[in-house]
Amino acid sequence: MKMPQTEDEVNEKIYDHRIMPDWSNVVNETNGTMHYSKDMIFNDGHRLSITVYSILLVLSSIGNSTVLYLIVKRRWHNRTRSPSRIDIMLMHLAIADLMVTFLLMPLEIAWAYTVQWRSTDFVCRTMSFFRVFGLYLSSFVLVSISIDRYYAILKPLKFSTNRGRIMLAIAWIASVICSTPQAFIFHLEQHPKVKGYYQCVAFHSFPTELHKLIYQISNMCAMYAFPLATFIYCYGRIYLEIYRKSKRMVKGDDKNG
């Protein structure tokens, strides 16, 4: 394979940790000058990432902190009463969203600013875990809320007071299990042709591209497809039940009228 020999050709290669599938080639010009790809240096794409994540950080921190504060405040004023299941679940949801806010977003902002990874392999693996942990937890807590509403409305006689706590415990455990592979897949690696340029990447972590594809699809299913299917089923059934009952009420009113 012929390697690119001009700076423009080199700049077409991707070195950004957010999108590159593998290390691309960097070439030495005949005069010995090393030309970096435009994605290896701070550019407009990184500025956009910093701007968007900064806005989301502010909005999310205000919104979720307010929700958590109101739930805790209501709990404090009603200390003699046990907190409702939905309040407990909303509190866990706010905590999950705040984990995304204060772990994922600052990391993405700092990473976009530095472009390359400026910390250790241990921090790379740890933050790779937390990059998805909050997202998984948020999704699984939402699943717990939808199942809780399903049983409360459609099967109130079968509802257990401990089911909510059990579902939340499962949500936390499942989030840890689903996030743990990230700590083994991502690692610190130096660019093979640019000494001193390090990146937190998942290169060489899968034996074949098929294994990598299976892992990515599994993540997508666990984080998005499974929760979405649960939402559609639970809230769809709830909607149909409310619709049937409303029709019965209308028919009853017509007969009485």
Foldseek 3Di string as FASTA:
>chain_A
DDDDADLVVQLVDADFQVDDPDFDDWDQHPVRDTRHHPLQDQDPVLVVLLVVLVVVLVVLCVVLVVLLVVLVVVCVVPVVDDDDLVSVLSNQLSVLSVLCSPQQSVVSNVCSHNRADDDAFQVLLVSQLSNCLSLQLNLQSLLLVLVLVLCVQPPVVPDDPCSSVVSNVVSNVVSNVLSNVSSVQWGWDDRPVDPPGIHTHRPPVDPDVVVVVVNVVVSCCSRPVVSVVSNCVSVVVVVVVVVVVVVVVVVVVVVVD
